[in-house]
C-alpha atoms as a PDB file:
ATOM      1  CA  UNK A   1     -90.234 -44.021  58.956  1.00  0.00           C
ATOM      2  CA  UNK A   2     -90.184 -40.424  60.505  1.00  0.00           C
ATOM      3  CA  UNK A   3     -90.735 -37.259  58.756  1.00  0.00           C
ATOM      4  CA  UNK A   4     -86.966 -36.334  60.030  1.00  0.00           C
ATOM      5  CA  UNK A   5     -85.588 -39.510  58.536  1.00  0.00           C
ATOM      6  CA  UNK A   6     -87.542 -38.858  55.137  1.00  0.00           C
ATOM      7  CA  UNK A   7     -86.100 -35.576  54.980  1.00  0.00           C
ATOM      8  CA  UNK A   8     -82.455 -36.114  55.705  1.00  0.00           C
ATOM      9  CA  UNK A   9     -82.688 -39.158  53.102  1.00  0.00           C
ATOM     10  CA  UNK A  10     -83.782 -36.622  50.677  1.00  0.00           C
ATOM     11  CA  UNK A  11     -81.203 -34.310  51.530  1.00  0.00           C
ATOM     12  CA  UNK A  12     -78.815 -36.859  51.325  1.00  0.00           C
ATOM     13  CA  UNK A  13     -79.856 -38.053  47.727  1.00  0.00           C
ATOM     14  CA  UNK A  14     -80.306 -34.435  46.464  1.00  0.00           C
ATOM     15  CA  UNK A  15     -77.388 -32.378  47.945  1.00  0.00           C
ATOM     16  CA  UNK A  16     -74.570 -33.817  46.289  1.00  0.00           C
ATOM     17  CA  UNK A  17     -76.075 -32.651  42.974  1.00  0.00           C
ATOM     18  CA  UNK A  18     -75.586 -29.109  43.681  1.00  0.00           C
ATOM     19  CA  UNK A  19     -72.546 -27.110  42.527  1.00  0.00           C
ATOM     20  CA  UNK A  20     -70.448 -25.246  45.072  1.00  0.00           C
ATOM     21  CA  UNK A  21     -68.955 -22.520  43.150  1.00  0.00           C
ATOM     22  CA  UNK A  22     -66.333 -21.353  45.816  1.00  0.00           C
ATOM     23  CA  UNK A  23     -64.247 -24.344  44.762  1.00  0.00           C
ATOM     24  CA  UNK A  24     -65.140 -23.943  41.213  1.00  0.00           C
ATOM     25  CA  UNK A  25     -64.232 -20.318  41.074  1.00  0.00           C
ATOM     26  CA  UNK A  26     -60.710 -21.026  43.141  1.00  0.00           C
ATOM     27  CA  UNK A  27     -59.732 -24.041  40.770  1.00  0.00           C
ATOM     28  CA  UNK A  28     -60.565 -21.369  37.728  1.00  0.00           C
ATOM     29  CA  UNK A  29     -58.595 -18.709  39.128  1.00  0.00           C
ATOM     30  CA  UNK A  30     -55.742 -21.121  39.839  1.00  0.00           C
ATOM     31  CA  UNK A  31     -55.891 -22.597  36.330  1.00  0.00           C
ATOM     32  CA  UNK A  32     -55.895 -19.176  34.629  1.00  0.00           C
ATOM     33  CA  UNK A  33     -52.970 -18.150  36.700  1.00  0.00           C
ATOM     34  CA  UNK A  34     -50.968 -21.302  36.048  1.00  0.00           C
ATOM     35  CA  UNK A  35     -51.864 -20.809  32.180  1.00  0.00           C
ATOM     36  CA  UNK A  36     -50.604 -17.132  32.204  1.00  0.00           C
ATOM     37  CA  UNK A  37     -47.269 -18.145  33.806  1.00  0.00           C
ATOM     38  CA  UNK A  38     -46.688 -21.154  31.433  1.00  0.00           C
ATOM     39  CA  UNK A  39     -47.589 -18.836  28.204  1.00  0.00           C
ATOM     40  CA  UNK A  40     -45.385 -15.978  29.390  1.00  0.00           C
ATOM     41  CA  UNK A  41     -42.735 -18.586  30.332  1.00  0.00           C
ATOM     42  CA  UNK A  42     -43.012 -19.758  26.815  1.00  0.00           C
ATOM     43  CA  UNK A  43     -43.251 -16.319  24.861  1.00  0.00           C
ATOM     44  CA  UNK A  44     -39.667 -15.585  26.535  1.00  0.00           C
ATOM     45  CA  UNK A  45     -38.013 -18.629  25.436  1.00  0.00           C
ATOM     46  CA  UNK A  46     -39.372 -18.264  21.893  1.00  0.00           C
ATOM     47  CA  UNK A  47     -42.118 -20.586  21.602  1.00  0.00           C
ATOM     48  CA  UNK A  48     -44.689 -18.581  19.752  1.00  0.00           C
ATOM     49  CA  UNK A  49     -46.475 -18.834  16.282  1.00  0.00           C
ATOM     50  CA  UNK A  50     -46.916 -15.092  16.116  1.00  0.00           C
ATOM     51  CA  UNK A  51     -44.686 -12.176  16.896  1.00  0.00           C
ATOM     52  CA  UNK A  52     -44.857  -8.157  16.053  1.00  0.00           C
ATOM     53  CA  UNK A  53     -41.330  -8.709  14.166  1.00  0.00           C
ATOM     54  CA  UNK A  54     -41.535  -9.188  10.547  1.00  0.00           C
ATOM     55  CA  UNK A  55     -39.110 -12.149  10.930  1.00  0.00           C
ATOM     56  CA  UNK A  56     -41.535 -14.258  12.885  1.00  0.00           C
ATOM     57  CA  UNK A  57     -42.847 -15.460   9.447  1.00  0.00           C
ATOM     58  CA  UNK A  58     -39.466 -17.356   8.940  1.00  0.00           C
ATOM     59  CA  UNK A  59     -39.620 -19.631  11.368  1.00  0.00           C
ATOM     60  CA  UNK A  60     -39.637 -23.381  10.517  1.00  0.00           C
ATOM     61  CA  UNK A  61     -43.017 -25.482  10.739  1.00  0.00           C
ATOM     62  CA  UNK A  62     -41.196 -27.436  13.179  1.00  0.00           C
ATOM     63  CA  UNK A  63     -41.320 -24.361  15.602  1.00  0.00           C
ATOM     64  CA  UNK A  64     -44.896 -23.868  15.022  1.00  0.00           C
ATOM     65  CA  UNK A  65     -45.853 -27.276  15.504  1.00  0.00           C
ATOM     66  CA  UNK A  66     -43.491 -27.608  19.171  1.00  0.00           C
ATOM     67  CA  UNK A  67     -45.304 -24.302  20.060  1.00  0.00           C
ATOM     68  CA  UNK A  68     -48.335 -25.798  19.391  1.00  0.00           C
ATOM     69  CA  UNK A  69     -47.790 -28.911  21.473  1.00  0.00           C
ATOM     70  CA  UNK A  70     -46.426 -26.558  24.337  1.00  0.00           C
ATOM     71  CA  UNK A  71     -49.869 -24.809  24.119  1.00  0.00           C
ATOM     72  CA  UNK A  72     -51.428 -28.488  24.323  1.00  0.00           C
ATOM     73  CA  UNK A  73     -49.212 -29.486  27.467  1.00  0.00           C
ATOM     74  CA  UNK A  74     -49.568 -26.128  29.169  1.00  0.00           C
ATOM     75  CA  UNK A  75     -53.492 -26.371  29.039  1.00  0.00           C
ATOM     76  CA  UNK A  76     -53.491 -29.767  30.462  1.00  0.00           C
ATOM     77  CA  UNK A  77     -51.447 -29.169  33.347  1.00  0.00           C
ATOM     78  CA  UNK A  78     -53.126 -25.807  33.976  1.00  0.00           C
ATOM     79  CA  UNK A  79     -56.834 -27.284  33.718  1.00  0.00           C
ATOM     80  CA  UNK A  80     -55.522 -30.284  35.706  1.00  0.00           C
ATOM     81  CA  UNK A  81     -54.487 -28.126  38.503  1.00  0.00           C
ATOM     82  CA  UNK A  82     -57.582 -25.934  38.286  1.00  0.00           C
ATOM     83  CA  UNK A  83     -59.861 -29.598  38.345  1.00  0.00           C
ATOM     84  CA  UNK A  84     -57.977 -30.766  41.206  1.00  0.00           C
ATOM     85  CA  UNK A  85     -58.540 -28.166  43.548  1.00  0.00           C
ATOM     86  CA  UNK A  86     -62.108 -27.795  42.734  1.00  0.00           C
ATOM     87  CA  UNK A  87     -62.501 -31.507  43.424  1.00  0.00           C
ATOM     88  CA  UNK A  88     -60.618 -31.755  46.723  1.00  0.00           C
ATOM     89  CA  UNK A  89     -61.636 -28.419  48.233  1.00  0.00           C
ATOM     90  CA  UNK A  90     -65.395 -29.355  47.501  1.00  0.00           C
ATOM     91  CA  UNK A  91     -67.291 -30.151  50.799  1.00  0.00           C
ATOM     92  CA  UNK A  92     -68.779 -33.694  50.847  1.00  0.00           C
ATOM     93  CA  UNK A  93     -72.545 -33.285  51.565  1.00  0.00           C
ATOM     94  CA  UNK A  94     -73.229 -36.849  52.539  1.00  0.00           C
ATOM     95  CA  UNK A  95     -72.963 -40.509  51.833  1.00  0.00           C
ATOM     96  CA  UNK A  96     -73.521 -41.337  48.127  1.00  0.00           C
ATOM     97  CA  UNK A  97     -72.495 -43.748  45.531  1.00  0.00           C
ATOM     98  CA  UNK A  98     -69.182 -43.796  44.130  1.00  0.00           C
ATOM     99  CA  UNK A  99     -70.359 -43.041  40.927  1.00  0.00           C
ATOM    100  CA  UNK A 100     -72.500 -40.228  41.906  1.00  0.00           C
ATOM    101  CA  UNK A 101     -69.691 -38.514  43.728  1.00  0.00           C
ATOM    102  CA  UNK A 102     -67.358 -39.079  40.942  1.00  0.00           C
ATOM    103  CA  UNK A 103     -70.006 -37.282  38.768  1.00  0.00           C
ATOM    104  CA  UNK A 104     -70.263 -34.632  41.099  1.00  0.00           C
ATOM    105  CA  UNK A 105     -66.693 -34.107  41.536  1.00  0.00           C
ATOM    106  CA  UNK A 106     -66.114 -34.220  37.605  1.00  0.00           C
ATOM    107  CA  UNK A 107     -69.212 -31.353  37.014  1.00  0.00           C
ATOM    108  CA  UNK A 108     -67.132 -29.387  39.375  1.00  0.00           C
ATOM    109  CA  UNK A 109     -63.730 -29.641  37.420  1.00  0.00           C
ATOM    110  CA  UNK A 110     -65.836 -29.299  34.383  1.00  0.00           C
ATOM    111  CA  UNK A 111     -67.187 -25.794  35.613  1.00  0.00           C
ATOM    112  CA  UNK A 112     -63.961 -24.820  36.719  1.00  0.00           C
ATOM    113  CA  UNK A 113     -62.639 -25.658  32.934  1.00  0.00           C
ATOM    114  CA  UNK A 114     -65.445 -23.738  31.752  1.00  0.00           C
ATOM    115  CA  UNK A 115     -65.094 -20.691  33.902  1.00  0.00           C
ATOM    116  CA  UNK A 116     -61.284 -20.588  33.307  1.00  0.00           C
ATOM    117  CA  UNK A 117     -62.025 -20.494  29.348  1.00  0.00           C
ATOM    118  CA  UNK A 118     -64.227 -17.735  29.604  1.00  0.00           C
ATOM    119  CA  UNK A 119     -61.708 -15.358  31.897  1.00  0.00           C
ATOM    120  CA  UNK A 120     -58.971 -16.513  29.690  1.00  0.00           C
ATOM    121  CA  UNK A 121     -61.184 -15.293  26.476  1.00  0.00           C
ATOM    122  CA  UNK A 122     -61.963 -12.324  27.933  1.00  0.00           C
ATOM    123  CA  UNK A 123     -58.313 -11.651  29.364  1.00  0.00           C
ATOM    124  CA  UNK A 124     -56.888 -12.182  25.830  1.00  0.00           C
ATOM    125  CA  UNK A 125     -59.514  -9.835  24.211  1.00  0.00           C
ATOM    126  CA  UNK A 126     -58.722  -7.259  26.629  1.00  0.00           C
ATOM    127  CA  UNK A 127     -55.209  -7.498  25.746  1.00  0.00           C
ATOM    128  CA  UNK A 128     -55.895  -7.934  22.133  1.00  0.00           C
ATOM    129  CA  UNK A 129     -58.080  -4.870  22.132  1.00  0.00           C
ATOM    130  CA  UNK A 130     -55.374  -2.703  24.024  1.00  0.00           C
ATOM    131  CA  UNK A 131     -52.514  -3.494  21.844  1.00  0.00           C
ATOM    132  CA  UNK A 132     -54.672  -2.626  18.767  1.00  0.00           C
ATOM    133  CA  UNK A 133     -55.595   0.542  20.061  1.00  0.00           C
ATOM    134  CA  UNK A 134     -52.369   1.481  20.936  1.00  0.00           C
ATOM    135  CA  UNK A 135     -50.976   0.492  17.379  1.00  0.00           C
ATOM    136  CA  UNK A 136     -53.555   2.388  15.711  1.00  0.00           C
ATOM    137  CA  UNK A 137     -52.768   5.565  17.898  1.00  0.00           C
ATOM    138  CA  UNK A 138     -49.358   5.290  16.470  1.00  0.00           C
ATOM    139  CA  UNK A 139     -49.750   4.793  13.080  1.00  0.00           C
ATOM    140  CA  UNK A 140     -52.828   7.134  13.048  1.00  0.00           C
ATOM    141  CA  UNK A 141     -56.444   6.546  11.995  1.00  0.00           C
ATOM    142  CA  UNK A 142     -55.593   6.750   8.124  1.00  0.00           C
ATOM    143  CA  UNK A 143     -52.951   3.969   8.206  1.00  0.00           C
ATOM    144  CA  UNK A 144     -55.258   1.161   9.630  1.00  0.00           C
ATOM    145  CA  UNK A 145     -55.100  -1.655   7.143  1.00  0.00           C
ATOM    146  CA  UNK A 146     -55.498  -5.541   7.162  1.00  0.00           C
ATOM    147  CA  UNK A 147     -52.615  -6.025   5.421  1.00  0.00           C
ATOM    148  CA  UNK A 148     -50.321  -4.183   8.075  1.00  0.00           C
ATOM    149  CA  UNK A 149     -50.177  -6.823  10.497  1.00  0.00           C
ATOM    150  CA  UNK A 150     -48.745  -9.508   7.534  1.00  0.00           C
ATOM    151  CA  UNK A 151     -47.281  -7.080   5.167  1.00  0.00           C
ATOM    152  CA  UNK A 152     -45.793  -4.400   6.961  1.00  0.00           C
ATOM    153  CA  UNK A 153     -42.111  -5.074   5.543  1.00  0.00           C
ATOM    154  CA  UNK A 154     -43.441  -5.866   2.229  1.00  0.00           C
ATOM    155  CA  UNK A 155     -45.171  -2.423   2.255  1.00  0.00           C
ATOM    156  CA  UNK A 156     -41.937  -0.618   3.788  1.00  0.00           C
ATOM    157  CA  UNK A 157     -39.735  -1.918   0.780  1.00  0.00           C
ATOM    158  CA  UNK A 158     -42.267  -1.422  -1.885  1.00  0.00           C
ATOM    159  CA  UNK A 159     -42.164   2.196  -0.854  1.00  0.00           C
ATOM    160  CA  UNK A 160     -38.858   3.002   0.139  1.00  0.00           C
ATOM    161  CA  UNK A 161     -37.208   6.125  -1.728  1.00  0.00           C
ATOM    162  CA  UNK A 162     -33.835   7.289  -1.351  1.00  0.00           C
ATOM    163  CA  UNK A 163     -34.793  10.921  -1.039  1.00  0.00           C
ATOM    164  CA  UNK A 164     -38.229  11.958  -0.011  1.00  0.00           C
ATOM    165  CA  UNK A 165     -39.858  15.386   0.747  1.00  0.00           C
ATOM    166  CA  UNK A 166     -40.431  16.107   4.239  1.00  0.00           C
ATOM    167  CA  UNK A 167     -44.263  15.402   5.690  1.00  0.00           C
ATOM    168  CA  UNK A 168     -45.251  13.188   3.263  1.00  0.00           C
ATOM    169  CA  UNK A 169     -48.042  10.719   4.284  1.00  0.00           C
ATOM    170  CA  UNK A 170     -48.157   7.559   2.423  1.00  0.00           C
ATOM    171  CA  UNK A 171     -50.916   6.329   4.615  1.00  0.00           C
ATOM    172  CA  UNK A 172     -53.699   5.856   1.752  1.00  0.00           C
ATOM    173  CA  UNK A 173     -51.158   4.342  -0.683  1.00  0.00           C
ATOM    174  CA  UNK A 174     -49.890   1.729   1.591  1.00  0.00           C
ATOM    175  CA  UNK A 175     -53.293   0.663   2.866  1.00  0.00           C
ATOM    176  CA  UNK A 176     -54.387   0.533  -0.920  1.00  0.00           C
ATOM    177  CA  UNK A 177     -51.374  -1.218  -1.892  1.00  0.00           C
ATOM    178  CA  UNK A 178     -51.799  -3.646   1.105  1.00  0.00           C
ATOM    179  CA  UNK A 179     -55.268  -4.635  -0.048  1.00  0.00           C
ATOM    180  CA  UNK A 180     -53.886  -5.195  -3.552  1.00  0.00           C
ATOM    181  CA  UNK A 181     -50.886  -7.463  -2.409  1.00  0.00           C
ATOM    182  CA  UNK A 182     -53.463  -9.505  -0.026  1.00  0.00           C
ATOM    183  CA  UNK A 183     -54.943 -10.549  -3.653  1.00  0.00           C
ATOM    184  CA  UNK A 184     -51.856 -12.435  -4.365  1.00  0.00           C
ATOM    185  CA  UNK A 185     -52.924 -15.315  -2.234  1.00  0.00           C
ATOM    186  CA  UNK A 186     -56.323 -15.846  -4.012  1.00  0.00           C
ATOM    187  CA  UNK A 187     -57.129 -18.423  -6.511  1.00  0.00           C
ATOM    188  CA  UNK A 188     -56.617 -16.427  -9.536  1.00  0.00           C
ATOM    189  CA  UNK A 189     -53.666 -14.634  -7.925  1.00  0.00           C
ATOM    190  CA  UNK A 190     -52.709 -10.503  -8.663  1.00  0.00           C
ATOM    191  CA  UNK A 191     -54.501  -9.350 -11.856  1.00  0.00           C
ATOM    192  CA  UNK A 192     -52.312  -7.867 -14.517  1.00  0.00           C
ATOM    193  CA  UNK A 193     -54.054  -4.403 -13.826  1.00  0.00           C
ATOM    194  CA  UNK A 194     -53.316  -4.377 -10.079  1.00  0.00           C
ATOM    195  CA  UNK A 195     -49.896  -5.210 -11.015  1.00  0.00           C
ATOM    196  CA  UNK A 196     -49.646  -2.236 -13.454  1.00  0.00           C
ATOM    197  CA  UNK A 197     -51.233  -0.114 -11.117  1.00  0.00           C
ATOM    198  CA  UNK A 198     -48.486  -0.891  -8.397  1.00  0.00           C
ATOM    199  CA  UNK A 199     -45.584  -0.203 -10.871  1.00  0.00           C
ATOM    200  CA  UNK A 200     -47.188   3.362 -11.393  1.00  0.00           C
ATOM    201  CA  UNK A 201     -47.556   4.221  -8.056  1.00  0.00           C
ATOM    202  CA  UNK A 202     -43.932   2.879  -7.104  1.00  0.00           C
ATOM    203  CA  UNK A 203     -42.548   4.847  -9.752  1.00  0.00           C
ATOM    204  CA  UNK A 204     -44.595   7.987  -8.853  1.00  0.00           C
ATOM    205  CA  UNK A 205     -44.257   7.857  -5.384  1.00  0.00           C
ATOM    206  CA  UNK A 206     -40.603   6.973  -5.185  1.00  0.00           C
ATOM    207  CA  UNK A 207     -39.008   8.412  -8.353  1.00  0.00           C
ATOM    208  CA  UNK A 208     -37.695   5.037  -9.711  1.00  0.00           C
ATOM    209  CA  UNK A 209     -37.551   4.632 -13.371  1.00  0.00           C
ATOM    210  CA  UNK A 210     -40.117   2.286 -14.612  1.00  0.00           C
ATOM    211  CA  UNK A 211     -37.825  -0.839 -14.897  1.00  0.00           C
ATOM    212  CA  UNK A 212     -36.220  -0.666 -11.193  1.00  0.00           C
ATOM    213  CA  UNK A 213     -39.934   0.154 -10.204  1.00  0.00           C
ATOM    214  CA  UNK A 214     -41.244  -3.217 -12.138  1.00  0.00           C
ATOM    215  CA  UNK A 215     -38.564  -5.537 -10.496  1.00  0.00           C
ATOM    216  CA  UNK A 216     -39.063  -4.038  -7.051  1.00  0.00           C
ATOM    217  CA  UNK A 217     -42.999  -4.856  -7.425  1.00  0.00           C
ATOM    218  CA  UNK A 218     -42.288  -8.113  -8.915  1.00  0.00           C
ATOM    219  CA  UNK A 219     -39.941  -8.861  -5.818  1.00  0.00           C
ATOM    220  CA  UNK A 220     -42.498  -7.391  -3.498  1.00  0.00           C
ATOM    221  CA  UNK A 221     -45.295  -9.560  -4.812  1.00  0.00           C
ATOM    222  CA  UNK A 222     -43.178 -12.956  -4.615  1.00  0.00           C
ATOM    223  CA  UNK A 223     -42.292 -11.797  -0.762  1.00  0.00           C
ATOM    224  CA  UNK A 224     -46.021 -11.151   0.225  1.00  0.00           C
ATOM    225  CA  UNK A 225     -47.306 -14.240  -1.386  1.00  0.00           C
ATOM    226  CA  UNK A 226     -44.853 -16.396   0.625  1.00  0.00           C
ATOM    227  CA  UNK A 227     -45.669 -14.166   3.772  1.00  0.00           C
ATOM    228  CA  UNK A 228     -49.280 -14.911   3.573  1.00  0.00           C
ATOM    229  CA  UNK A 229     -48.834 -18.408   3.062  1.00  0.00           C
ATOM    230  CA  UNK A 230     -46.688 -18.628   6.290  1.00  0.00           C
ATOM    231  CA  UNK A 231     -48.762 -16.613   8.132  1.00  0.00           C
ATOM    232  CA  UNK A 232     -52.083 -18.896   6.840  1.00  0.00           C
ATOM    233  CA  UNK A 233     -50.040 -21.610   7.963  1.00  0.00           C
ATOM    234  CA  UNK A 234     -49.092 -20.479  11.500  1.00  0.00           C
ATOM    235  CA  UNK A 235     -52.810 -19.516  12.071  1.00  0.00           C
ATOM    236  CA  UNK A 236     -53.907 -22.883  10.894  1.00  0.00           C
ATOM    237  CA  UNK A 237     -51.679 -24.465  13.327  1.00  0.00           C
ATOM    238  CA  UNK A 238     -52.606 -21.922  16.363  1.00  0.00           C
ATOM    239  CA  UNK A 239     -56.389 -22.684  15.618  1.00  0.00           C
ATOM    240  CA  UNK A 240     -55.733 -26.446  15.879  1.00  0.00           C
ATOM    241  CA  UNK A 241     -53.651 -26.338  18.819  1.00  0.00           C
ATOM    242  CA  UNK A 242     -56.218 -24.006  20.616  1.00  0.00           C
ATOM    243  CA  UNK A 243     -59.208 -25.774  20.149  1.00  0.00           C
ATOM    244  CA  UNK A 244     -57.387 -29.153  20.943  1.00  0.00           C
ATOM    245  CA  UNK A 245     -55.758 -27.644  24.214  1.00  0.00           C
ATOM    246  CA  UNK A 246     -59.395 -26.407  24.843  1.00  0.00           C
ATOM    247  CA  UNK A 247     -60.738 -30.008  24.349  1.00  0.00           C
ATOM    248  CA  UNK A 248     -58.566 -31.806  26.149  1.00  0.00           C
ATOM    249  CA  UNK A 249     -58.216 -29.430  28.957  1.00  0.00           C
ATOM    250  CA  UNK A 250     -62.127 -30.260  29.670  1.00  0.00           C
ATOM    251  CA  UNK A 251     -60.940 -34.172  30.052  1.00  0.00           C
ATOM    252  CA  UNK A 252     -58.064 -33.072  32.453  1.00  0.00           C
ATOM    253  CA  UNK A 253     -60.052 -31.024  34.372  1.00  0.00           C
ATOM    254  CA  UNK A 254     -63.068 -33.756  34.826  1.00  0.00           C
ATOM    255  CA  UNK A 255     -60.317 -36.363  35.709  1.00  0.00           C
ATOM    256  CA  UNK A 256     -58.427 -34.409  37.878  1.00  0.00           C
ATOM    257  CA  UNK A 257     -61.359 -33.292  39.784  1.00  0.00           C
ATOM    258  CA  UNK A 258     -62.593 -37.016  40.331  1.00  0.00           C
ATOM    259  CA  UNK A 259     -58.966 -37.555  42.091  1.00  0.00           C
ATOM    260  CA  UNK A 260     -59.052 -34.715  43.961  1.00  0.00           C
ATOM    261  CA  UNK A 261     -62.476 -35.881  45.356  1.00  0.00           C
ATOM    262  CA  UNK A 262     -61.304 -39.299  45.788  1.00  0.00           C
ATOM    263  CA  UNK A 263     -58.071 -38.195  47.903  1.00  0.00           C
ATOM    264  CA  UNK A 264     -60.585 -35.899  49.754  1.00  0.00           C
ATOM    265  CA  UNK A 265     -62.535 -38.776  50.779  1.00  0.00           C
ATOM    266  CA  UNK A 266     -59.535 -40.656  52.129  1.00  0.00           C
ATOM    267  CA  UNK A 267     -58.161 -42.424  49.129  1.00  0.00           C
ATOM    268  CA  UNK A 268     -54.457 -42.941  49.156  1.00  0.00           C
ATOM    269  CA  UNK A 269     -52.260 -40.301  47.824  1.00  0.00           C
ATOM    270  CA  UNK A 270     -49.714 -40.834  44.952  1.00  0.00           C
ATOM    271  CA  UNK A 271     -46.215 -41.602  46.162  1.00  0.00           C
ATOM    272  CA  UNK A 272     -44.572 -38.474  45.455  1.00  0.00           C
ATOM    273  CA  UNK A 273     -47.118 -36.557  47.359  1.00  0.00           C
ATOM    274  CA  UNK A 274     -46.879 -38.876  50.127  1.00  0.00           C
ATOM    275  CA  UNK A 275     -43.024 -38.185  50.236  1.00  0.00           C
ATOM    276  CA  UNK A 276     -43.918 -34.717  50.402  1.00  0.00           C
ATOM    277  CA  UNK A 277     -46.141 -34.747  53.253  1.00  0.00           C
ATOM    278  CA  UNK A 278     -43.311 -36.867  54.853  1.00  0.00           C
ATOM    279  CA  UNK A 279     -40.794 -34.290  54.267  1.00  0.00           C
ATOM    280  CA  UNK A 280     -43.209 -31.637  55.599  1.00  0.00           C
ATOM    281  CA  UNK A 281     -43.762 -33.327  58.876  1.00  0.00           C
ATOM    282  CA  UNK A 282     -39.866 -34.293  59.401  1.00  0.00           C
ATOM    283  CA  UNK A 283     -39.559 -30.385  58.917  1.00  0.00           C
ATOM    284  CA  UNK A 284     -42.063 -29.432  61.394  1.00  0.00           C
ATOM    285  CA  UNK A 285     -40.801 -31.959  63.803  1.00  0.00           C
ATOM    286  CA  UNK A 286     -37.060 -30.724  63.519  1.00  0.00           C
ATOM    287  CA  UNK A 287     -37.848 -26.834  63.886  1.00  0.00           C
ATOM    288  CA  UNK A 288     -38.451 -25.685  67.201  1.00  0.00           C
END
């Protein structure tokens, strides 16, 4: 065997194992774009497990589960599209075994999935940082509190007063009360000392009588415990849905890339795609 034939055979055996980054990047951009469109559509129609409004915590568990299922479905569809594009647009590097070709196509789909996940995480981080900075600038640095996103409405009710002096800032008191109310979800619950302290603070800042301040504090404590429990439930559903969506997205991207590679190499297309191509050919024939 000549040296040229040996080199050609070696290249045919080795070349299919290399990744082609153009199809991977193209598939990742397509997956990220479709996922953004589907998520925006979900938020528009009200499928979401979090919101800036305090009433989102009153949503039923069924709505949270439905939102999680939608998150999983859109991930499978988006990553499937990206994987198919990566597999179909990959340039065939020469004759190779069917198993090896599908492995390389699947690897391209997996690369598309990984890149799309990283791009989505970066995009989500940038959006979250921008939202946090805008909210912090509107409220001021003194009002930053871990309890504000969950218990903002309860804190409003706690320090509500019929008459209040102008330019009075309750930022420090709200932040402190929020940290205290977060302990209602702990194993031991809110301590008696903290409850007494809240009653004294509410009475001093709102001008309520001691019995009225006590009733308000007890009501807010009960509502805060319920709000934290619902927020925790939604967070668990969201985390489980995201993890499941990412894992199933990897499977969908691999399978779709293998299917795209088979169609690229001449395998028959699905019936609906064949009909679409036939319609396109008819339109081109009819048009002058």
